[in-house]
Structures are given as C-alpha cells and as structure tokens.
Amino acid sequence: MPHILDEKAGLLAEGRCGSSQMGVGQFCTNPGVVVAVKGPALDAFKAQSANVRKKAVALRMLTNRNAQA
C-alpha cells in the first residue's frame, strides 16, 4: 500500500495528529506506531506530520491539577 502515502500523505498526517490529540492524549487508542515502507512517500508523510504538529493548538487537560501533575 505504499501508493496510499503518495496520494494521501497530508490527509493521513492530519488524521493521525487529530487522533493523537483526541482527549488531550489520554485515550488508550492513541496512534503511536506507523508501519510503512522506507522511501520518498514515507519521507513526505513524515514532513507533513511535522508540519501538522507545528500548527496544532495546545490543548488543556481536564483540570489545572491534572495539568500540573
């Protein structure tokens, strides 16, 4: 499925970032692993992911006490 990264690197990067931020990262389903074939498509995905992360808004934990802990 390497062609999917060629076609949808930006969309996949946005989805992964959004999923990892859901619930301020407190979900057990947080996507922490990407399995892909090395190459230009993966490099593009990684660059897109970095750009999406840089633009992401910092989210707040449920309470100030949680954030401090």
Protein backbone atom coordinates (compact mmCIF):
# COMPACT_ATOMS: atom_id res chain seq x y z
CA MET A 1 0.00 0.00 0.00
CA PRO A 2 2.89 2.48 -0.44
CA HIS A 3 0.90 4.33 -3.11
CA ILE A 4 -1.57 5.49 -0.43
CA LEU A 5 1.18 7.64 1.15
CA ASP A 6 1.89 9.12 -2.28
CA GLU A 7 -1.76 10.02 -2.73
CA LYS A 8 -2.81 11.00 0.79
CA ALA A 9 0.24 11.91 2.90
CA GLY A 10 -1.29 15.20 4.07
CA LEU A 11 -4.68 13.73 4.86
CA LEU A 12 -3.16 10.82 6.77
CA ALA A 13 -0.85 13.15 8.70
CA GLU A 14 -3.78 15.36 9.73
CA GLY A 15 -5.84 12.34 10.78
CA ARG A 16 -3.02 10.88 12.84
CA CYS A 17 -2.35 14.18 14.59
CA GLY A 18 -6.04 14.71 15.32
CA SER A 19 -6.36 11.19 16.65
CA SER A 20 -3.38 11.57 18.96
CA GLN A 21 -4.74 14.87 20.33
CA MET A 22 -8.21 13.47 20.97
CA GLY A 23 -8.89 13.65 24.70
CA VAL A 24 -5.59 15.51 25.19
CA GLY A 25 -3.72 12.28 24.51
CA GLN A 26 -5.48 10.34 27.26
CA PHE A 27 -7.07 7.68 25.03
CA CYS A 28 -5.63 4.17 25.02
CA THR A 29 -6.03 4.12 21.24
CA ASN A 30 -3.50 6.92 20.73
CA PRO A 31 -1.73 6.05 17.45
CA GLY A 32 1.93 5.79 18.33
CA VAL A 33 3.24 3.44 15.64
CA VAL A 34 3.43 3.89 11.88
CA VAL A 35 4.37 0.92 9.73
CA ALA A 36 5.49 1.93 6.25
CA VAL A 37 8.00 1.20 3.51
CA LYS A 38 11.09 3.42 3.52
CA GLY A 39 11.24 5.82 0.62
CA PRO A 40 10.11 9.18 -0.71
CA ALA A 41 6.46 8.59 0.20
CA LEU A 42 7.34 7.96 3.85
CA ASP A 43 9.65 10.98 3.86
CA ALA A 44 6.78 13.14 2.58
CA PHE A 45 4.43 11.72 5.23
CA LYS A 46 6.94 12.46 7.97
CA ALA A 47 7.38 16.03 6.71
CA GLN A 48 3.61 16.52 6.52
CA SER A 49 3.25 15.10 10.04
CA ALA A 50 5.84 17.53 11.38
CA ASN A 51 4.06 20.47 9.73
CA VAL A 52 0.69 19.40 11.12
CA ARG A 53 2.16 19.06 14.62
CA LYS A 54 3.72 22.52 14.44
CA LYS A 55 0.32 24.02 13.61
CA ALA A 56 -1.58 22.04 16.26
CA VAL A 57 -3.18 24.01 19.06
CA ALA A 58 -2.08 23.10 22.57
CA LEU A 59 -4.97 21.52 24.42
CA ARG A 60 -5.72 21.71 28.13
CA MET A 61 -6.03 18.77 30.46
CA LEU A 62 -9.30 18.34 32.36
CA THR A 63 -8.24 20.41 35.36
CA ASN A 64 -5.29 22.58 36.40
CA ARG A 65 -4.31 19.93 38.94
CA ASN A 66 -4.12 17.27 36.21
CA ALA A 67 -2.00 19.56 34.06
CA GLN A 68 0.41 20.24 36.94
CA ALA A 69 0.72 16.54 37.77
